[in-house]
PDB file of all heavy atoms in Angstrom:
ATOM      1  N   LYS A   1      -5.121  92.482 -35.053  1.00  0.00           N
ATOM      2  CA  LYS A   1      -5.641  91.413 -34.195  1.00  0.00           C
ATOM      3  C   LYS A   1      -7.017  90.949 -34.683  1.00  0.00           C
ATOM      4  O   LYS A   1      -8.025  91.116 -33.985  1.00  0.00           O
ATOM      5  CB  LYS A   1      -5.746  91.903 -32.746  1.00  0.00           C
ATOM      6  CG  LYS A   1      -4.403  92.187 -32.078  1.00  0.00           C
ATOM      7  CD  LYS A   1      -4.601  92.653 -30.640  1.00  0.00           C
ATOM      8  CE  LYS A   1      -3.260  92.937 -29.971  1.00  0.00           C
ATOM      9  NZ  LYS A   1      -3.444  93.419 -28.569  1.00  0.00           N
ATOM     10  N   PRO A   2      -7.074  90.357 -35.866  1.00  0.00           N
ATOM     11  CA  PRO A   2      -8.378  89.883 -36.355  1.00  0.00           C
ATOM     12  C   PRO A   2      -8.860  88.692 -35.541  1.00  0.00           C
ATOM     13  O   PRO A   2      -8.053  87.911 -35.032  1.00  0.00           O
ATOM     14  CB  PRO A   2      -8.075  89.472 -37.799  1.00  0.00           C
ATOM     15  CG  PRO A   2      -6.635  89.064 -37.770  1.00  0.00           C
ATOM     16  CD  PRO A   2      -5.977  89.991 -36.775  1.00  0.00           C
ATOM     17  N   GLU A   3     -10.169  88.568 -35.415  1.00  0.00           N
ATOM     18  CA  GLU A   3     -10.724  87.393 -34.737  1.00  0.00           C
ATOM     19  C   GLU A   3     -10.436  86.119 -35.529  1.00  0.00           C
ATOM     20  O   GLU A   3     -10.204  85.057 -34.963  1.00  0.00           O
ATOM     21  CB  GLU A   3     -12.237  87.558 -34.544  1.00  0.00           C
ATOM     22  CG  GLU A   3     -12.648  88.449 -33.385  1.00  0.00           C
ATOM     23  CD  GLU A   3     -12.431  89.931 -33.628  1.00  0.00           C
ATOM     24  OE1 GLU A   3     -12.278  90.350 -34.796  1.00  0.00           O
ATOM     25  OE2 GLU A   3     -12.413  90.692 -32.641  1.00  0.00           O
ATOM     26  N   ILE A   4     -10.463  86.247 -36.854  1.00  0.00           N
ATOM     27  CA  ILE A   4     -10.204  85.102 -37.728  1.00  0.00           C
ATOM     28  C   ILE A   4      -9.221  85.536 -38.806  1.00  0.00           C
ATOM     29  O   ILE A   4      -9.413  86.569 -39.452  1.00  0.00           O
ATOM     30  CB  ILE A   4     -11.504  84.601 -38.401  1.00  0.00           C
ATOM     31  CG1 ILE A   4     -12.573  84.242 -37.360  1.00  0.00           C
ATOM     32  CG2 ILE A   4     -11.219  83.390 -39.304  1.00  0.00           C
ATOM     33  CD1 ILE A   4     -13.939  83.968 -37.952  1.00  0.00           C
ATOM     34  N   GLN A   5      -8.161  84.759 -38.996  1.00  0.00           N
ATOM     35  CA  GLN A   5      -7.194  85.025 -40.066  1.00  0.00           C
ATOM     36  C   GLN A   5      -7.057  83.766 -40.912  1.00  0.00           C
ATOM     37  O   GLN A   5      -6.736  82.697 -40.397  1.00  0.00           O
ATOM     38  CB  GLN A   5      -5.833  85.447 -39.506  1.00  0.00           C
ATOM     39  CG  GLN A   5      -4.817  85.806 -40.586  1.00  0.00           C
ATOM     40  CD  GLN A   5      -3.593  86.521 -40.022  1.00  0.00           C
ATOM     41  OE1 GLN A   5      -3.552  86.866 -38.839  1.00  0.00           O
ATOM     42  NE2 GLN A   5      -2.609  86.752 -40.849  1.00  0.00           N
ATOM     43  N   ILE A   6      -7.313  83.920 -42.198  1.00  0.00           N
ATOM     44  CA  ILE A   6      -7.275  82.777 -43.108  1.00  0.00           C
ATOM     45  C   ILE A   6      -6.224  83.024 -44.178  1.00  0.00           C
ATOM     46  O   ILE A   6      -6.321  83.993 -44.942  1.00  0.00           O
ATOM     47  CB  ILE A   6      -8.653  82.542 -43.756  1.00  0.00           C
ATOM     48  CG1 ILE A   6      -9.697  82.184 -42.682  1.00  0.00           C
ATOM     49  CG2 ILE A   6      -8.574  81.444 -44.821  1.00  0.00           C
ATOM     50  CD1 ILE A   6     -11.109  82.113 -43.197  1.00  0.00           C
ATOM     51  N   LYS A   7      -5.225  82.164 -44.236  1.00  0.00           N
ATOM     52  CA  LYS A   7      -4.212  82.222 -45.289  1.00  0.00           C
ATOM     53  C   LYS A   7      -4.826  81.579 -46.532  1.00  0.00           C
ATOM     54  O   LYS A   7      -4.847  80.352 -46.662  1.00  0.00           O
ATOM     55  CB  LYS A   7      -2.958  81.457 -44.859  1.00  0.00           C
ATOM     56  CG  LYS A   7      -2.287  82.017 -43.612  1.00  0.00           C
ATOM     57  CD  LYS A   7      -1.364  83.162 -43.946  1.00  0.00           C
ATOM     58  CE  LYS A   7      -0.539  83.587 -42.731  1.00  0.00           C
ATOM     59  NZ  LYS A   7       0.344  84.721 -43.028  1.00  0.00           N
ATOM     60  N   ASN A   8      -5.353  82.414 -47.409  1.00  0.00           N
ATOM     61  CA  ASN A   8      -6.110  81.899 -48.553  1.00  0.00           C
ATOM     62  C   ASN A   8      -5.200  81.696 -49.762  1.00  0.00           C
ATOM     63  O   ASN A   8      -5.342  82.340 -50.798  1.00  0.00           O
ATOM     64  CB  ASN A   8      -7.263  82.848 -48.888  1.00  0.00           C
ATOM     65  CG  ASN A   8      -8.253  82.219 -49.843  1.00  0.00           C
ATOM     66  OD1 ASN A   8      -8.344  81.010 -49.939  1.00  0.00           O
ATOM     67  ND2 ASN A   8      -8.990  83.047 -50.568  1.00  0.00           N
ATOM     68  N   ASP A   9      -4.258  80.786 -49.582  1.00  0.00           N
ATOM     69  CA  ASP A   9      -3.317  80.455 -50.655  1.00  0.00           C
ATOM     70  C   ASP A   9      -3.020  78.960 -50.548  1.00  0.00           C
ATOM     71  O   ASP A   9      -2.429  78.513 -49.571  1.00  0.00           O
ATOM     72  CB  ASP A   9      -2.037  81.277 -50.503  1.00  0.00           C
ATOM     73  CG  ASP A   9      -1.010  80.967 -51.581  1.00  0.00           C
ATOM     74  OD1 ASP A   9      -1.398  80.422 -52.621  1.00  0.00           O
ATOM     75  OD2 ASP A   9       0.178  81.271 -51.368  1.00  0.00           O
ATOM     76  N   GLY A  10      -3.506  78.195 -51.508  1.00  0.00           N
ATOM     77  CA  GLY A  10      -3.266  76.755 -51.466  1.00  0.00           C
ATOM     78  C   GLY A  10      -4.313  75.981 -50.689  1.00  0.00           C
ATOM     79  O   GLY A  10      -4.135  74.797 -50.410  1.00  0.00           O
ATOM     80  N   ILE A  11      -5.413  76.649 -50.288  1.00  0.00           N
ATOM     81  CA  ILE A  11      -6.515  75.945 -49.632  1.00  0.00           C
ATOM     82  C   ILE A  11      -7.794  76.170 -50.443  1.00  0.00           C
ATOM     83  O   ILE A  11      -7.879  77.116 -51.227  1.00  0.00           O
ATOM     84  CB  ILE A  11      -6.733  76.391 -48.167  1.00  0.00           C
ATOM     85  CG1 ILE A  11      -7.211  77.858 -48.102  1.00  0.00           C
ATOM     86  CG2 ILE A  11      -5.475  76.196 -47.338  1.00  0.00           C
ATOM     87  CD1 ILE A  11      -7.689  78.278 -46.723  1.00  0.00           C
ATOM     88  N   SER A  12      -8.762  75.311 -50.248  1.00  0.00           N
ATOM     89  CA  SER A  12     -10.019  75.436 -50.989  1.00  0.00           C
ATOM     90  C   SER A  12     -10.923  76.477 -50.335  1.00  0.00           C
ATOM     91  O   SER A  12     -10.774  76.795 -49.142  1.00  0.00           O
ATOM     92  CB  SER A  12     -10.745  74.088 -51.035  1.00  0.00           C
ATOM     93  OG  SER A  12     -11.197  73.734 -49.733  1.00  0.00           O
ATOM     94  N   ILE A  13     -11.852  77.001 -51.120  1.00  0.00           N
ATOM     95  CA  ILE A  13     -12.856  77.932 -50.598  1.00  0.00           C
ATOM     96  C   ILE A  13     -13.657  77.242 -49.496  1.00  0.00           C
ATOM     97  O   ILE A  13     -13.987  77.850 -48.470  1.00  0.00           O
ATOM     98  CB  ILE A  13     -13.795  78.409 -51.723  1.00  0.00           C
ATOM     99  CG1 ILE A  13     -13.031  79.241 -52.764  1.00  0.00           C
ATOM    100  CG2 ILE A  13     -14.963  79.216 -51.148  1.00  0.00           C
ATOM    101  CD1 ILE A  13     -12.441  80.524 -52.231  1.00  0.00           C
ATOM    102  N   GLU A  14     -13.951  75.964 -49.675  1.00  0.00           N
ATOM    103  CA  GLU A  14     -14.739  75.203 -48.703  1.00  0.00           C
ATOM    104  C   GLU A  14     -14.017  75.112 -47.358  1.00  0.00           C
ATOM    105  O   GLU A  14     -14.633  75.254 -46.293  1.00  0.00           O
ATOM    106  CB  GLU A  14     -15.030  73.800 -49.240  1.00  0.00           C
ATOM    107  CG  GLU A  14     -15.972  73.750 -50.432  1.00  0.00           C
ATOM    108  CD  GLU A  14     -15.337  74.200 -51.745  1.00  0.00           C
ATOM    109  OE1 GLU A  14     -14.091  74.180 -51.848  1.00  0.00           O
ATOM    110  OE2 GLU A  14     -16.101  74.580 -52.661  1.00  0.00           O
ATOM    111  N   THR A  15     -12.700  74.892 -47.410  1.00  0.00           N
ATOM    112  CA  THR A  15     -11.907  74.819 -46.171  1.00  0.00           C
ATOM    113  C   THR A  15     -11.887  76.167 -45.468  1.00  0.00           C
ATOM    114  O   THR A  15     -12.049  76.249 -44.244  1.00  0.00           O
ATOM    115  CB  THR A  15     -10.468  74.356 -46.483  1.00  0.00           C
ATOM    116  OG1 THR A  15     -10.505  73.058 -47.061  1.00  0.00           O
ATOM    117  CG2 THR A  15      -9.618  74.322 -45.218  1.00  0.00           C
ATOM    118  N   ALA A  16     -11.686  77.224 -46.248  1.00  0.00           N
ATOM    119  CA  ALA A  16     -11.680  78.578 -45.673  1.00  0.00           C
ATOM    120  C   ALA A  16     -13.015  78.890 -45.012  1.00  0.00           C
ATOM    121  O   ALA A  16     -13.064  79.417 -43.890  1.00  0.00           O
ATOM    122  CB  ALA A  16     -11.364  79.605 -46.763  1.00  0.00           C
ATOM    123  N   ALA A  17     -14.102  78.546 -45.693  1.00  0.00           N
ATOM    124  CA  ALA A  17     -15.441  78.813 -45.150  1.00  0.00           C
ATOM    125  C   ALA A  17     -15.682  78.013 -43.877  1.00  0.00           C
ATOM    126  O   ALA A  17     -16.259  78.521 -42.909  1.00  0.00           O
ATOM    127  CB  ALA A  17     -16.506  78.481 -46.196  1.00  0.00           C
ATOM    128  N   GLN A  18     -15.228  76.779 -43.857  1.00  0.00           N
ATOM    129  CA  GLN A  18     -15.433  75.937 -42.681  1.00  0.00           C
ATOM    130  C   GLN A  18     -14.699  76.486 -41.472  1.00  0.00           C
ATOM    131  O   GLN A  18     -15.169  76.358 -40.337  1.00  0.00           O
ATOM    132  CB  GLN A  18     -14.976  74.499 -42.962  1.00  0.00           C
ATOM    133  CG  GLN A  18     -15.369  73.510 -41.870  1.00  0.00           C
ATOM    134  CD  GLN A  18     -16.864  73.430 -41.644  1.00  0.00           C
ATOM    135  OE1 GLN A  18     -17.633  73.269 -42.591  1.00  0.00           O
ATOM    136  NE2 GLN A  18     -17.303  73.563 -40.389  1.00  0.00           N
ATOM    137  N   ASN A  19     -13.548  77.143 -41.693  1.00  0.00           N
ATOM    138  CA  ASN A  19     -12.810  77.779 -40.596  1.00  0.00           C
ATOM    139  C   ASN A  19     -13.668  78.835 -39.905  1.00  0.00           C
ATOM    140  O   ASN A  19     -13.635  78.980 -38.679  1.00  0.00           O
ATOM    141  CB  ASN A  19     -11.515  78.424 -41.107  1.00  0.00           C
ATOM    142  CG  ASN A  19     -10.451  77.411 -41.469  1.00  0.00           C
ATOM    143  OD1 ASN A  19     -10.512  76.257 -41.043  1.00  0.00           O
ATOM    144  ND2 ASN A  19      -9.470  77.823 -42.262  1.00  0.00           N
ATOM    145  N   VAL A  20     -14.424  79.575 -40.703  1.00  0.00           N
ATOM    146  CA  VAL A  20     -15.298  80.614 -40.147  1.00  0.00           C
ATOM    147  C   VAL A  20     -16.448  79.966 -39.381  1.00  0.00           C
ATOM    148  O   VAL A  20     -16.789  80.392 -38.268  1.00  0.00           O
ATOM    149  CB  VAL A  20     -15.839  81.537 -41.265  1.00  0.00           C
ATOM    150  CG1 VAL A  20     -16.789  82.587 -40.679  1.00  0.00           C
ATOM    151  CG2 VAL A  20     -14.688  82.214 -41.999  1.00  0.00           C
ATOM    152  N   ILE A  21     -17.045  78.936 -39.962  1.00  0.00           N
ATOM    153  CA  ILE A  21     -18.139  78.228 -39.291  1.00  0.00           C
ATOM    154  C   ILE A  21     -17.659  77.649 -37.963  1.00  0.00           C
ATOM    155  O   ILE A  21     -18.362  77.722 -36.942  1.00  0.00           O
ATOM    156  CB  ILE A  21     -18.695  77.106 -40.199  1.00  0.00           C
ATOM    157  CG1 ILE A  21     -19.337  77.693 -41.464  1.00  0.00           C
ATOM    158  CG2 ILE A  21     -19.689  76.233 -39.432  1.00  0.00           C
ATOM    159  CD1 ILE A  21     -20.560  78.554 -41.229  1.00  0.00           C
ATOM    160  N   ASP A  22     -16.458  77.077 -37.947  1.00  0.00           N
ATOM    161  CA  ASP A  22     -15.901  76.503 -36.715  1.00  0.00           C
ATOM    162  C   ASP A  22     -15.759  77.570 -35.635  1.00  0.00           C
ATOM    163  O   ASP A  22     -16.071  77.321 -34.456  1.00  0.00           O
ATOM    164  CB  ASP A  22     -14.535  75.860 -36.989  1.00  0.00           C
ATOM    165  CG  ASP A  22     -14.648  74.596 -37.832  1.00  0.00           C
ATOM    166  OD1 ASP A  22     -15.765  74.063 -37.959  1.00  0.00           O
ATOM    167  OD2 ASP A  22     -13.610  74.150 -38.376  1.00  0.00           O
ATOM    168  N   TYR A  23     -15.318  78.767 -36.031  1.00  0.00           N
ATOM    169  CA  TYR A  23     -15.200  79.875 -35.067  1.00  0.00           C
ATOM    170  C   TYR A  23     -16.567  80.235 -34.489  1.00  0.00           C
ATOM    171  O   TYR A  23     -16.711  80.425 -33.275  1.00  0.00           O
ATOM    172  CB  TYR A  23     -14.575  81.100 -35.741  1.00  0.00           C
ATOM    173  CG  TYR A  23     -14.471  82.299 -34.829  1.00  0.00           C
ATOM    174  CD1 TYR A  23     -13.333  82.541 -34.071  1.00  0.00           C
ATOM    175  CD2 TYR A  23     -15.538  83.204 -34.706  1.00  0.00           C
ATOM    176  CE1 TYR A  23     -13.247  83.632 -33.220  1.00  0.00           C
ATOM    177  CE2 TYR A  23     -15.468  84.297 -33.858  1.00  0.00           C
ATOM    178  CZ  TYR A  23     -14.311  84.497 -33.109  1.00  0.00           C
ATOM    179  OH  TYR A  23     -14.242  85.592 -32.252  1.00  0.00           O
ATOM    180  N   LEU A  24     -17.568  80.313 -35.343  1.00  0.00           N
ATOM    181  CA  LEU A  24     -18.916  80.673 -34.890  1.00  0.00           C
ATOM    182  C   LEU A  24     -19.476  79.632 -33.932  1.00  0.00           C
ATOM    183  O   LEU A  24     -20.122  79.965 -32.934  1.00  0.00           O
ATOM    184  CB  LEU A  24     -19.843  80.846 -36.095  1.00  0.00           C
ATOM    185  CG  LEU A  24     -19.543  82.016 -37.040  1.00  0.00           C
ATOM    186  CD1 LEU A  24     -20.479  81.988 -38.242  1.00  0.00           C
ATOM    187  CD2 LEU A  24     -19.644  83.350 -36.313  1.00  0.00           C
ATOM    188  N   LYS A  25     -19.193  78.368 -34.211  1.00  0.00           N
ATOM    189  CA  LYS A  25     -19.658  77.297 -33.328  1.00  0.00           C
ATOM    190  C   LYS A  25     -18.935  77.334 -31.993  1.00  0.00           C
ATOM    191  O   LYS A  25     -19.548  77.241 -30.925  1.00  0.00           O
ATOM    192  CB  LYS A  25     -19.453  75.942 -34.005  1.00  0.00           C
ATOM    193  CG  LYS A  25     -20.432  75.637 -35.119  1.00  0.00           C
ATOM    194  CD  LYS A  25     -20.166  74.254 -35.721  1.00  0.00           C
ATOM    195  CE  LYS A  25     -21.180  73.891 -36.781  1.00  0.00           C
ATOM    196  NZ  LYS A  25     -20.885  72.570 -37.392  1.00  0.00           N
ATOM    197  N   GLU A  26     -17.609  77.460 -32.054  1.00  0.00           N
ATOM    198  CA  GLU A  26     -16.796  77.455 -30.825  1.00  0.00           C
ATOM    199  C   GLU A  26     -17.151  78.608 -29.896  1.00  0.00           C
ATOM    200  O   GLU A  26     -17.073  78.477 -28.671  1.00  0.00           O
ATOM    201  CB  GLU A  26     -15.304  77.530 -31.193  1.00  0.00           C
ATOM    202  CG  GLU A  26     -14.746  76.252 -31.808  1.00  0.00           C
ATOM    203  CD  GLU A  26     -13.409  76.463 -32.490  1.00  0.00           C
ATOM    204  OE1 GLU A  26     -12.799  77.544 -32.308  1.00  0.00           O
ATOM    205  OE2 GLU A  26     -12.964  75.546 -33.233  1.00  0.00           O
ATOM    206  N   ASN A  27     -17.550  79.735 -30.485  1.00  0.00           N
ATOM    207  CA  ASN A  27     -17.886  80.915 -29.689  1.00  0.00           C
ATOM    208  C   ASN A  27     -19.388  81.103 -29.501  1.00  0.00           C
ATOM    209  O   ASN A  27     -19.838  82.156 -29.080  1.00  0.00           O
ATOM    210  CB  ASN A  27     -17.249  82.158 -30.322  1.00  0.00           C
ATOM    211  CG  ASN A  27     -15.728  82.127 -30.196  1.00  0.00           C
ATOM    212  OD1 ASN A  27     -15.181  82.521 -29.183  1.00  0.00           O
ATOM    213  ND2 ASN A  27     -15.054  81.631 -31.240  1.00  0.00           N
ATOM    214  N   LYS A  28     -20.146  80.033 -29.862  1.00  0.00           N
ATOM    215  CA  LYS A  28     -21.584  79.958 -29.577  1.00  0.00           C
ATOM    216  C   LYS A  28     -22.416  81.072 -30.249  1.00  0.00           C
ATOM    217  O   LYS A  28     -23.400  81.529 -29.684  1.00  0.00           O
ATOM    218  CB  LYS A  28     -21.823  79.937 -28.064  1.00  0.00           C
ATOM    219  CG  LYS A  28     -21.220  78.689 -27.407  1.00  0.00           C
ATOM    220  CD  LYS A  28     -21.507  78.637 -25.926  1.00  0.00           C
ATOM    221  CE  LYS A  28     -21.131  77.297 -25.332  1.00  0.00           C
ATOM    222  NZ  LYS A  28     -19.739  76.845 -25.636  1.00  0.00           N
ATOM    223  N   TYR A  29     -21.999  81.462 -31.443  1.00  0.00           N
ATOM    224  CA  TYR A  29     -22.860  82.340 -32.246  1.00  0.00           C
ATOM    225  C   TYR A  29     -23.946  81.519 -32.918  1.00  0.00           C
ATOM    226  O   TYR A  29     -25.032  82.002 -33.185  1.00  0.00           O
ATOM    227  CB  TYR A  29     -22.040  83.087 -33.284  1.00  0.00           C
ATOM    228  CG  TYR A  29     -21.138  84.157 -32.707  1.00  0.00           C
ATOM    229  CD1 TYR A  29     -19.829  83.879 -32.363  1.00  0.00           C
ATOM    230  CD2 TYR A  29     -21.612  85.449 -32.501  1.00  0.00           C
ATOM    231  CE1 TYR A  29     -18.993  84.852 -31.824  1.00  0.00           C
ATOM    232  CE2 TYR A  29     -20.797  86.446 -31.964  1.00  0.00           C
ATOM    233  CZ  TYR A  29     -19.494  86.129 -31.614  1.00  0.00           C
ATOM    234  OH  TYR A  29     -18.678  87.096 -31.070  1.00  0.00           O
TER     235      TYR A  29
END
């Protein structure tokens, strides 16, 4: 049950990183 799961196949590093940033913003970190 990870807080964030990124399928890192066929996506850019930038997209993967932005997913993490979006989580931090949504959860007010």
